[in-house]
Amino acid sequence: MTIEDFVEQNIVKINSGINAFKDARANEYIDVDIKNYLQAKLSKDLQNETTADLLLCDLIANDYVKAKIVDIANKFVLYKPHLEKYFQATVFNKVFSKLGIDDLANKTIDYISEVPTIDDLEIKFIKSNLKNLVSKCLYVASQGGFTADLQHTDYGLRVANEGDSAQFFFIARAMLAGFNCSNVDVRSSRYDAIVDFNSKLIRIQVKGITAGSNISFFDRDRGGQGIDHTHERNRGQRITKADCDIYVAVDKQVGTCYLIPMTFADGLDAEDAKNVKLSEVANYLERWQTIIDVATQ
């Protein structure tokens, strides 16, 4: 059976949970094959203006309800996460094409100025820098975050590239913050970067996250053609103080970093460590002091 026929017959199941296709022994095509095929299919479909218009018309007809995207994806034989990403980019562009970034920045400053507890002289003192920063932030927001995967690369390669990009995001941010930071090139290493603080080496593990995602203090399960992801040796291992000193979660949309000491992670039980909400680590967002704290404790 061709992958085209296979996907068409199984699209509802695929969009219900593609992890069901991880097992190469039970499926003719595995999740990676399916994702790559469906990404290429979406790219080809969008080259047809009629199809692109029909997709958007279905979204409008469903009142932009995100829960309905899966129905549209099944109808057009597309992968729901791919389609949702396309819809997000399209609607962002549609909305912000009707707005001016400078006007939005001025309205933001006006809103801040109207807060009764803020002194007018305080606003006057920071207004120029504030407008400049707000304009830059609004531009990134208008693009739906940093540009990602314009080339629609192979799924496995894309995952690796995104991991590397998060790593280099952190290194660049650390250097900008004034720390002596170096990349670790050995992929088998349990940490990704080293920070030298007053001759003390701090081991950093870096993970990329996206908006709305949670943090896991476990490695990903190994997967791919011919790999049994259910076997114990292929299951993701827990990340502990033995592996690194600080766990850094980098938001790939905007480049912000959560710098979490492993003392926090080691205090969680195994089940809780698998899925930590960002709200639970909000106090570590952009907390570069964590590096100093760990180095001097």
C-alpha atoms as a PDB file:
ATOM      1  CA  MET A   1       0.000   0.000   0.000  1.00  0.00           C
ATOM      2  CA  THR A   2       1.311   3.457  -0.868  1.00  0.00           C
ATOM      3  CA  ILE A   3       1.761   5.973   1.917  1.00  0.00           C
ATOM      4  CA  GLU A   4      -0.854   8.147   0.202  1.00  0.00           C
ATOM      5  CA  ASP A   5      -3.476   5.386   0.494  1.00  0.00           C
ATOM      6  CA  PHE A   6      -2.344   4.487   4.001  1.00  0.00           C
ATOM      7  CA  VAL A   7      -2.662   8.059   5.268  1.00  0.00           C
ATOM      8  CA  GLU A   8      -6.015   8.606   3.566  1.00  0.00           C
ATOM      9  CA  GLN A   9      -7.410   5.468   5.218  1.00  0.00           C
ATOM     10  CA  ASN A  10      -5.981   6.337   8.650  1.00  0.00           C
ATOM     11  CA  ILE A  11      -6.173  10.135   8.795  1.00  0.00           C
ATOM     12  CA  VAL A  12      -8.784  10.184  11.591  1.00  0.00           C
ATOM     13  CA  LYS A  13      -6.653   7.868  13.710  1.00  0.00           C
ATOM     14  CA  ILE A  14      -3.533   9.890  12.871  1.00  0.00           C
ATOM     15  CA  ASN A  15      -5.149  13.111  14.035  1.00  0.00           C
ATOM     16  CA  SER A  16      -6.520  11.378  17.125  1.00  0.00           C
ATOM     17  CA  GLY A  17      -3.014  10.447  18.266  1.00  0.00           C
ATOM     18  CA  ILE A  18      -0.056   9.912  15.974  1.00  0.00           C
ATOM     19  CA  ASN A  19       1.879   8.155  18.743  1.00  0.00           C
ATOM     20  CA  ALA A  20      -0.179   5.093  17.865  1.00  0.00           C
ATOM     21  CA  PHE A  21       2.036   4.824  14.769  1.00  0.00           C
ATOM     22  CA  LYS A  22       5.391   4.784  16.575  1.00  0.00           C
ATOM     23  CA  ASP A  23       5.688   1.010  16.595  1.00  0.00           C
ATOM     24  CA  ALA A  24       7.350  -0.084  13.349  1.00  0.00           C
ATOM     25  CA  ARG A  25       6.322  -3.711  13.964  1.00  0.00           C
ATOM     26  CA  ALA A  26       2.619  -2.876  14.059  1.00  0.00           C
ATOM     27  CA  ASN A  27       2.438  -0.269  11.278  1.00  0.00           C
ATOM     28  CA  GLU A  28       3.412  -0.221   7.637  1.00  0.00           C
ATOM     29  CA  TYR A  29       4.401   3.429   8.041  1.00  0.00           C
ATOM     30  CA  ILE A  30       5.570   5.037  11.284  1.00  0.00           C
ATOM     31  CA  ASP A  31       4.885   8.489  12.709  1.00  0.00           C
ATOM     32  CA  VAL A  32       7.984  10.127  11.195  1.00  0.00           C
ATOM     33  CA  ASP A  33       7.114   8.872   7.691  1.00  0.00           C
ATOM     34  CA  ILE A  34       3.540  10.110   8.112  1.00  0.00           C
ATOM     35  CA  LYS A  35       4.540  13.558   9.365  1.00  0.00           C
ATOM     36  CA  ASN A  36       7.004  14.049   6.522  1.00  0.00           C
ATOM     37  CA  TYR A  37       4.445  12.960   3.940  1.00  0.00           C
ATOM     38  CA  LEU A  38       1.705  15.190   5.365  1.00  0.00           C
ATOM     39  CA  GLN A  39       4.030  18.200   5.612  1.00  0.00           C
ATOM     40  CA  ALA A  40       4.917  17.799   1.936  1.00  0.00           C
ATOM     41  CA  LYS A  41       1.236  17.326   1.086  1.00  0.00           C
ATOM     42  CA  LEU A  42       0.236  20.538   2.863  1.00  0.00           C
ATOM     43  CA  SER A  43       2.993  22.484   1.096  1.00  0.00           C
ATOM     44  CA  LYS A  44       1.813  21.120  -2.264  1.00  0.00           C
ATOM     45  CA  ASP A  45      -1.865  21.787  -1.470  1.00  0.00           C
ATOM     46  CA  LEU A  46      -1.127  25.398  -0.513  1.00  0.00           C
ATOM     47  CA  GLN A  47       0.453  26.020  -3.914  1.00  0.00           C
ATOM     48  CA  ASN A  48      -3.076  25.644  -5.266  1.00  0.00           C
ATOM     49  CA  GLU A  49      -4.846  28.930  -4.484  1.00  0.00           C
ATOM     50  CA  THR A  50      -8.263  27.265  -4.683  1.00  0.00           C
ATOM     51  CA  THR A  51      -7.329  24.724  -2.011  1.00  0.00           C
ATOM     52  CA  ALA A  52      -5.760  27.422   0.192  1.00  0.00           C
ATOM     53  CA  ASP A  53      -8.963  29.482  -0.077  1.00  0.00           C
ATOM     54  CA  LEU A  54     -11.134  26.450   0.726  1.00  0.00           C
ATOM     55  CA  LEU A  55      -9.104  25.729   3.854  1.00  0.00           C
ATOM     56  CA  LEU A  56      -9.485  29.288   5.107  1.00  0.00           C
ATOM     57  CA  CYS A  57     -13.189  29.333   4.189  1.00  0.00           C
ATOM     58  CA  ASP A  58     -13.719  26.224   6.322  1.00  0.00           C
ATOM     59  CA  LEU A  59     -11.989  27.900   9.256  1.00  0.00           C
ATOM     60  CA  ILE A  60     -14.208  30.977   8.855  1.00  0.00           C
ATOM     61  CA  ALA A  61     -17.327  28.811   8.488  1.00  0.00           C
ATOM     62  CA  ASN A  62     -16.405  27.184  11.807  1.00  0.00           C
ATOM     63  CA  ASP A  63     -16.093  30.618  13.467  1.00  0.00           C
ATOM     64  CA  TYR A  64     -12.335  30.200  13.965  1.00  0.00           C
ATOM     65  CA  VAL A  65     -12.952  27.545  16.638  1.00  0.00           C
ATOM     66  CA  LYS A  66      -9.662  25.702  17.160  1.00  0.00           C
ATOM     67  CA  ALA A  67     -11.424  22.518  18.215  1.00  0.00           C
ATOM     68  CA  LYS A  68     -12.867  22.315  14.694  1.00  0.00           C
ATOM     69  CA  ILE A  69      -9.465  22.333  12.975  1.00  0.00           C
ATOM     70  CA  VAL A  70      -9.199  18.579  13.388  1.00  0.00           C
ATOM     71  CA  ASP A  71     -12.407  18.166  11.340  1.00  0.00           C
ATOM     72  CA  ILE A  72     -10.969  20.349   8.566  1.00  0.00           C
ATOM     73  CA  ALA A  73      -7.706  18.411   8.692  1.00  0.00           C
ATOM     74  CA  ASN A  74      -9.532  15.101   8.365  1.00  0.00           C
ATOM     75  CA  LYS A  75     -11.646  16.436   5.517  1.00  0.00           C
ATOM     76  CA  PHE A  76      -8.607  17.563   3.498  1.00  0.00           C
ATOM     77  CA  VAL A  77      -6.370  14.663   4.670  1.00  0.00           C
ATOM     78  CA  LEU A  78      -3.902  16.864   6.524  1.00  0.00           C
ATOM     79  CA  TYR A  79      -2.109  16.646   9.860  1.00  0.00           C
ATOM     80  CA  LYS A  80      -3.914  18.815  12.402  1.00  0.00           C
ATOM     81  CA  PRO A  81      -0.780  20.393  14.010  1.00  0.00           C
ATOM     82  CA  HIS A  82       0.539  21.360  10.542  1.00  0.00           C
ATOM     83  CA  LEU A  83      -2.789  22.884   9.548  1.00  0.00           C
ATOM     84  CA  GLU A  84      -3.160  24.744  12.831  1.00  0.00           C
ATOM     85  CA  LYS A  85       0.319  26.235  12.388  1.00  0.00           C
ATOM     86  CA  TYR A  86      -0.649  27.409   8.881  1.00  0.00           C
ATOM     87  CA  PHE A  87      -3.925  28.903  10.134  1.00  0.00           C
ATOM     88  CA  GLN A  88      -2.103  30.706  12.948  1.00  0.00           C
ATOM     89  CA  ALA A  89       0.385  32.292  10.534  1.00  0.00           C
ATOM     90  CA  THR A  90      -2.363  33.263   8.090  1.00  0.00           C
ATOM     91  CA  VAL A  91      -4.605  34.867  10.708  1.00  0.00           C
ATOM     92  CA  PHE A  92      -1.689  36.672  12.370  1.00  0.00           C
ATOM     93  CA  ASN A  93      -0.806  38.188   8.999  1.00  0.00           C
ATOM     94  CA  LYS A  94      -4.457  39.060   8.271  1.00  0.00           C
ATOM     95  CA  VAL A  95      -4.969  40.812  11.624  1.00  0.00           C
ATOM     96  CA  PHE A  96      -1.700  42.735  11.786  1.00  0.00           C
ATOM     97  CA  SER A  97      -1.915  43.859   8.147  1.00  0.00           C
ATOM     98  CA  LYS A  98      -4.732  46.130   9.347  1.00  0.00           C
ATOM     99  CA  LEU A  99      -2.708  47.599  12.203  1.00  0.00           C
ATOM    100  CA  GLY A 100       0.302  49.868  12.561  1.00  0.00           C
ATOM    101  CA  ILE A 101       3.076  48.771  14.938  1.00  0.00           C
ATOM    102  CA  ASP A 102       3.891  52.373  15.904  1.00  0.00           C
ATOM    103  CA  ASP A 103       0.240  53.110  16.667  1.00  0.00           C
ATOM    104  CA  LEU A 104       0.023  49.991  18.834  1.00  0.00           C
ATOM    105  CA  ALA A 105       3.207  50.985  20.658  1.00  0.00           C
ATOM    106  CA  ASN A 106       1.840  54.476  21.341  1.00  0.00           C
ATOM    107  CA  LYS A 107      -1.463  53.042  22.591  1.00  0.00           C
ATOM    108  CA  THR A 108       0.455  50.711  24.910  1.00  0.00           C
ATOM    109  CA  ILE A 109       2.375  53.638  26.384  1.00  0.00           C
ATOM    110  CA  ASP A 110      -0.825  55.650  26.687  1.00  0.00           C
ATOM    111  CA  TYR A 111      -2.422  52.749  28.574  1.00  0.00           C
ATOM    112  CA  ILE A 112       0.539  52.568  30.963  1.00  0.00           C
ATOM    113  CA  SER A 113       0.434  56.337  31.464  1.00  0.00           C
ATOM    114  CA  GLU A 114      -3.185  56.133  32.585  1.00  0.00           C
ATOM    115  CA  VAL A 115      -2.318  53.867  35.540  1.00  0.00           C
ATOM    116  CA  PRO A 116      -2.943  56.154  38.594  1.00  0.00           C
ATOM    117  CA  THR A 117       0.058  54.905  40.571  1.00  0.00           C
ATOM    118  CA  ILE A 118       2.572  55.644  37.810  1.00  0.00           C
ATOM    119  CA  ASP A 119       4.155  59.099  37.869  1.00  0.00           C
ATOM    120  CA  ASP A 120       4.061  61.052  34.590  1.00  0.00           C
ATOM    121  CA  LEU A 121       7.730  61.931  35.067  1.00  0.00           C
ATOM    122  CA  GLU A 122       8.601  58.235  35.282  1.00  0.00           C
ATOM    123  CA  ILE A 123       6.932  57.611  31.929  1.00  0.00           C
ATOM    124  CA  LYS A 124       8.613  60.653  30.411  1.00  0.00           C
ATOM    125  CA  PHE A 125      12.001  59.366  31.593  1.00  0.00           C
ATOM    126  CA  ILE A 126      11.654  55.934  29.911  1.00  0.00           C
ATOM    127  CA  LYS A 127       9.219  56.775  27.080  1.00  0.00           C
ATOM    128  CA  SER A 128      11.713  56.783  24.204  1.00  0.00           C
ATOM    129  CA  ASN A 129      13.339  53.462  25.157  1.00  0.00           C
ATOM    130  CA  LEU A 130       9.992  51.951  26.077  1.00  0.00           C
ATOM    131  CA  LYS A 131       8.430  52.756  22.703  1.00  0.00           C
ATOM    132  CA  ASN A 132      11.458  51.306  20.911  1.00  0.00           C
ATOM    133  CA  LEU A 133      11.288  48.065  22.905  1.00  0.00           C
ATOM    134  CA  VAL A 134       7.499  47.749  22.672  1.00  0.00           C
ATOM    135  CA  SER A 135       7.664  48.258  18.896  1.00  0.00           C
ATOM    136  CA  LYS A 136      10.228  45.470  18.563  1.00  0.00           C
ATOM    137  CA  CYS A 137       8.184  43.125  20.762  1.00  0.00           C
ATOM    138  CA  LEU A 138       5.007  43.911  18.854  1.00  0.00           C
ATOM    139  CA  TYR A 139       6.750  43.186  15.560  1.00  0.00           C
ATOM    140  CA  VAL A 140       7.790  39.730  16.809  1.00  0.00           C
ATOM    141  CA  ALA A 141       4.235  39.188  18.049  1.00  0.00           C
ATOM    142  CA  SER A 142       2.823  40.243  14.684  1.00  0.00           C
ATOM    143  CA  GLN A 143       4.860  37.454  13.057  1.00  0.00           C
ATOM    144  CA  GLY A 144       3.593  34.861  15.522  1.00  0.00           C
ATOM    145  CA  GLY A 145       7.058  34.663  17.079  1.00  0.00           C
ATOM    146  CA  PHE A 146      10.391  33.961  15.429  1.00  0.00           C
ATOM    147  CA  THR A 147      10.254  32.546  11.911  1.00  0.00           C
ATOM    148  CA  ALA A 148      10.486  28.748  11.937  1.00  0.00           C
ATOM    149  CA  ASP A 149      11.045  25.992   9.358  1.00  0.00           C
ATOM    150  CA  LEU A 150      10.546  27.903   6.110  1.00  0.00           C
ATOM    151  CA  GLN A 151      12.158  24.975   4.255  1.00  0.00           C
ATOM    152  CA  HIS A 152       9.726  22.344   5.651  1.00  0.00           C
ATOM    153  CA  THR A 153      12.658  20.077   6.451  1.00  0.00           C
ATOM    154  CA  ASP A 154      12.475  16.365   7.196  1.00  0.00           C
ATOM    155  CA  TYR A 155      10.853  15.784  10.595  1.00  0.00           C
ATOM    156  CA  GLY A 156      13.866  14.099  12.199  1.00  0.00           C
ATOM    157  CA  LEU A 157      16.252  16.764  10.926  1.00  0.00           C
ATOM    158  CA  ARG A 158      13.878  19.518  12.028  1.00  0.00           C
ATOM    159  CA  VAL A 159      13.734  18.152  15.583  1.00  0.00           C
ATOM    160  CA  ALA A 160      17.549  18.049  15.701  1.00  0.00           C
ATOM    161  CA  ASN A 161      17.846  21.563  14.251  1.00  0.00           C
ATOM    162  CA  GLU A 162      15.312  22.959  16.711  1.00  0.00           C
ATOM    163  CA  GLY A 163      17.236  21.387  19.574  1.00  0.00           C
ATOM    164  CA  ASP A 164      20.448  22.992  18.342  1.00  0.00           C
ATOM    165  CA  SER A 165      18.720  26.359  17.868  1.00  0.00           C
ATOM    166  CA  ALA A 166      17.482  26.323  21.484  1.00  0.00           C
ATOM    167  CA  GLN A 167      21.007  25.492  22.621  1.00  0.00           C
ATOM    168  CA  PHE A 168      22.515  28.390  20.674  1.00  0.00           C
ATOM    169  CA  PHE A 169      19.713  30.709  21.813  1.00  0.00           C
ATOM    170  CA  PHE A 170      20.768  30.039  25.399  1.00  0.00           C
ATOM    171  CA  ILE A 171      24.478  30.461  24.686  1.00  0.00           C
ATOM    172  CA  ALA A 172      23.869  33.782  22.927  1.00  0.00           C
ATOM    173  CA  ARG A 173      21.613  34.992  25.752  1.00  0.00           C
ATOM    174  CA  ALA A 174      24.129  33.900  28.403  1.00  0.00           C
ATOM    175  CA  MET A 175      26.958  35.729  26.650  1.00  0.00           C
ATOM    176  CA  LEU A 176      24.759  38.805  26.279  1.00  0.00           C
ATOM    177  CA  ALA A 177      24.065  38.606  30.026  1.00  0.00           C
ATOM    178  CA  GLY A 178      27.827  38.721  30.646  1.00  0.00           C
ATOM    179  CA  PHE A 179      28.614  35.053  31.304  1.00  0.00           C
ATOM    180  CA  ASN A 180      31.502  33.075  29.797  1.00  0.00           C
ATOM    181  CA  CYS A 181      29.590  30.300  28.044  1.00  0.00           C
ATOM    182  CA  SER A 182      30.615  27.527  25.661  1.00  0.00           C
ATOM    183  CA  ASN A 183      28.808  24.921  23.585  1.00  0.00           C
ATOM    184  CA  VAL A 184      29.338  21.190  24.182  1.00  0.00           C
ATOM    185  CA  ASP A 185      29.684  19.449  20.820  1.00  0.00           C
ATOM    186  CA  VAL A 186      29.590  15.831  22.047  1.00  0.00           C
ATOM    187  CA  ARG A 187      25.976  14.786  21.482  1.00  0.00           C
ATOM    188  CA  SER A 188      26.216  11.861  23.904  1.00  0.00           C
ATOM    189  CA  SER A 189      26.952  14.289  26.744  1.00  0.00           C
ATOM    190  CA  ARG A 190      24.199  14.717  29.333  1.00  0.00           C
ATOM    191  CA  TYR A 191      24.648  18.493  29.225  1.00  0.00           C
ATOM    192  CA  ASP A 192      24.686  20.901  26.285  1.00  0.00           C
ATOM    193  CA  ALA A 193      26.632  23.937  27.458  1.00  0.00           C
ATOM    194  CA  ILE A 194      29.130  25.037  30.090  1.00  0.00           C
ATOM    195  CA  VAL A 195      29.146  28.332  31.956  1.00  0.00           C
ATOM    196  CA  ASP A 196      32.419  29.350  33.597  1.00  0.00           C
ATOM    197  CA  PHE A 197      31.620  31.528  36.616  1.00  0.00           C
ATOM    198  CA  ASN A 198      34.687  32.581  38.593  1.00  0.00           C
ATOM    199  CA  SER A 199      36.518  29.422  37.474  1.00  0.00           C
ATOM    200  CA  LYS A 200      33.640  27.162  38.532  1.00  0.00           C
ATOM    201  CA  LEU A 201      32.097  25.196  35.645  1.00  0.00           C
ATOM    202  CA  ILE A 202      28.298  24.978  35.623  1.00  0.00           C
ATOM    203  CA  ARG A 203      26.754  22.236  33.446  1.00  0.00           C
ATOM    204  CA  ILE A 204      23.657  23.318  31.499  1.00  0.00           C
ATOM    205  CA  GLN A 205      21.093  21.118  29.790  1.00  0.00           C
ATOM    206  CA  VAL A 206      18.933  23.002  27.287  1.00  0.00           C
ATOM    207  CA  LYS A 207      15.490  22.069  25.969  1.00  0.00           C
ATOM    208  CA  GLY A 208      13.390  24.008  23.479  1.00  0.00           C
ATOM    209  CA  ILE A 209       9.738  24.623  24.278  1.00  0.00           C
ATOM    210  CA  THR A 210       6.863  26.229  22.417  1.00  0.00           C
ATOM    211  CA  ALA A 211       3.974  28.377  23.611  1.00  0.00           C
ATOM    212  CA  GLY A 212       1.647  26.479  25.905  1.00  0.00           C
ATOM    213  CA  SER A 213       3.928  23.474  26.264  1.00  0.00           C
ATOM    214  CA  ASN A 214       5.053  22.002  29.566  1.00  0.00           C
ATOM    215  CA  ILE A 215       8.508  21.067  30.789  1.00  0.00           C
ATOM    216  CA  SER A 216       9.654  17.492  31.297  1.00  0.00           C
ATOM    217  CA  PHE A 217      12.661  16.467  33.341  1.00  0.00           C
ATOM    218  CA  PHE A 218      12.877  13.316  31.243  1.00  0.00           C
ATOM    219  CA  ASP A 219      14.658  12.781  27.923  1.00  0.00           C
ATOM    220  CA  ARG A 220      12.525  11.979  24.885  1.00  0.00           C
ATOM    221  CA  ASP A 221      11.925   8.332  24.085  1.00  0.00           C
ATOM    222  CA  ARG A 222      14.146   7.090  21.270  1.00  0.00           C
ATOM    223  CA  GLY A 223      12.169   6.491  18.089  1.00  0.00           C
ATOM    224  CA  GLY A 224      12.542   5.924  14.383  1.00  0.00           C
ATOM    225  CA  GLN A 225      12.510   3.145  11.846  1.00  0.00           C
ATOM    226  CA  GLY A 226      13.227  -0.211  13.451  1.00  0.00           C
ATOM    227  CA  ILE A 227      13.421   1.152  17.012  1.00  0.00           C
ATOM    228  CA  ASP A 228      11.101  -0.259  19.655  1.00  0.00           C
ATOM    229  CA  HIS A 229      10.213   2.856  21.650  1.00  0.00           C
ATOM    230  CA  THR A 230       8.502   0.731  24.310  1.00  0.00           C
ATOM    231  CA  HIS A 231      11.707  -1.106  25.240  1.00  0.00           C
ATOM    232  CA  GLU A 232      13.218   0.038  28.531  1.00  0.00           C
ATOM    233  CA  ARG A 233      16.578   1.003  26.988  1.00  0.00           C
ATOM    234  CA  ASN A 234      14.804   3.299  24.516  1.00  0.00           C
ATOM    235  CA  ARG A 235      12.620   5.007  27.110  1.00  0.00           C
ATOM    236  CA  GLY A 236      13.545   8.558  28.086  1.00  0.00           C
ATOM    237  CA  GLN A 237      15.656   8.692  31.244  1.00  0.00           C
ATOM    238  CA  ARG A 238      15.090  11.124  34.100  1.00  0.00           C
ATOM    239  CA  ILE A 239      17.325  14.190  34.158  1.00  0.00           C
ATOM    240  CA  THR A 240      18.889  14.739  37.599  1.00  0.00           C
ATOM    241  CA  LYS A 241      21.628  16.675  39.373  1.00  0.00           C
ATOM    242  CA  ALA A 242      24.022  13.918  38.280  1.00  0.00           C
ATOM    243  CA  ASP A 243      23.472  15.024  34.654  1.00  0.00           C
ATOM    244  CA  CYS A 244      23.556  18.809  34.928  1.00  0.00           C
ATOM    245  CA  ASP A 245      23.436  21.692  37.376  1.00  0.00           C
ATOM    246  CA  ILE A 246      20.825  23.849  35.635  1.00  0.00           C
ATOM    247  CA  TYR A 247      18.005  22.924  33.262  1.00  0.00           C
ATOM    248  CA  VAL A 248      17.209  25.709  30.798  1.00  0.00           C
ATOM    249  CA  ALA A 249      13.928  25.733  28.874  1.00  0.00           C
ATOM    250  CA  VAL A 250      14.112  28.099  25.899  1.00  0.00           C
ATOM    251  CA  ASP A 251      10.881  29.427  24.405  1.00  0.00           C
ATOM    252  CA  LYS A 252      11.623  29.073  20.698  1.00  0.00           C
ATOM    253  CA  GLN A 253       8.933  31.607  19.750  1.00  0.00           C
ATOM    254  CA  VAL A 254      10.524  34.557  21.529  1.00  0.00           C
ATOM    255  CA  GLY A 255      13.887  33.380  22.913  1.00  0.00           C
ATOM    256  CA  THR A 256      13.104  33.778  26.616  1.00  0.00           C
ATOM    257  CA  CYS A 257      14.732  31.342  29.053  1.00  0.00           C
ATOM    258  CA  TYR A 258      13.644  29.546  32.198  1.00  0.00           C
ATOM    259  CA  LEU A 259      16.791  28.847  34.257  1.00  0.00           C
ATOM    260  CA  ILE A 260      15.814  26.080  36.678  1.00  0.00           C
ATOM    261  CA  PRO A 261      18.277  24.719  39.257  1.00  0.00           C
ATOM    262  CA  MET A 262      18.309  20.937  39.432  1.00  0.00           C
ATOM    263  CA  THR A 263      17.607  21.162  43.154  1.00  0.00           C
ATOM    264  CA  PHE A 264      14.064  22.081  42.090  1.00  0.00           C
ATOM    265  CA  ALA A 265      13.781  19.166  39.656  1.00  0.00           C
ATOM    266  CA  ASP A 266      15.252  16.631  42.082  1.00  0.00           C
ATOM    267  CA  GLY A 267      12.611  17.631  44.626  1.00  0.00           C
ATOM    268  CA  LEU A 268       9.831  16.318  42.374  1.00  0.00           C
ATOM    269  CA  ASP A 269       8.630  12.735  42.389  1.00  0.00           C
ATOM    270  CA  ALA A 270       9.073  10.768  39.176  1.00  0.00           C
ATOM    271  CA  GLU A 271       5.507  11.251  37.930  1.00  0.00           C
ATOM    272  CA  ASP A 272       5.450  15.014  38.581  1.00  0.00           C
ATOM    273  CA  ALA A 273       8.853  15.422  36.919  1.00  0.00           C
ATOM    274  CA  LYS A 274       7.429  14.149  33.626  1.00  0.00           C
ATOM    275  CA  ASN A 275       5.079  17.091  33.159  1.00  0.00           C
ATOM    276  CA  VAL A 276       5.703  20.448  34.844  1.00  0.00           C
ATOM    277  CA  LYS A 277       3.535  23.426  33.952  1.00  0.00           C
ATOM    278  CA  LEU A 278       5.307  26.651  33.052  1.00  0.00           C
ATOM    279  CA  SER A 279       3.286  28.393  35.766  1.00  0.00           C
ATOM    280  CA  GLU A 280       5.064  26.169  38.309  1.00  0.00           C
ATOM    281  CA  VAL A 281       8.469  27.514  37.233  1.00  0.00           C
ATOM    282  CA  ALA A 282       7.413  31.094  36.448  1.00  0.00           C
ATOM    283  CA  ASN A 283       9.798  32.488  39.075  1.00  0.00           C
ATOM    284  CA  TYR A 284      12.716  31.084  37.052  1.00  0.00           C
ATOM    285  CA  LEU A 285      11.740  32.937  33.853  1.00  0.00           C
ATOM    286  CA  GLU A 286      14.723  35.066  32.810  1.00  0.00           C
ATOM    287  CA  ARG A 287      16.278  34.483  36.241  1.00  0.00           C
ATOM    288  CA  TRP A 288      19.939  34.665  35.210  1.00  0.00           C
ATOM    289  CA  GLN A 289      20.802  34.982  38.883  1.00  0.00           C
ATOM    290  CA  THR A 290      20.262  31.201  39.001  1.00  0.00           C
ATOM    291  CA  ILE A 291      23.720  30.715  37.460  1.00  0.00           C
ATOM    292  CA  ILE A 292      25.357  32.802  40.185  1.00  0.00           C
ATOM    293  CA  ASP A 293      23.331  31.094  42.921  1.00  0.00           C
ATOM    294  CA  VAL A 294      24.320  27.598  41.745  1.00  0.00           C
ATOM    295  CA  ALA A 295      27.964  28.578  41.324  1.00  0.00           C
ATOM    296  CA  THR A 296      28.246  30.093  44.808  1.00  0.00           C
ATOM    297  CA  GLN A 297      26.119  27.691  46.865  1.00  0.00           C
END
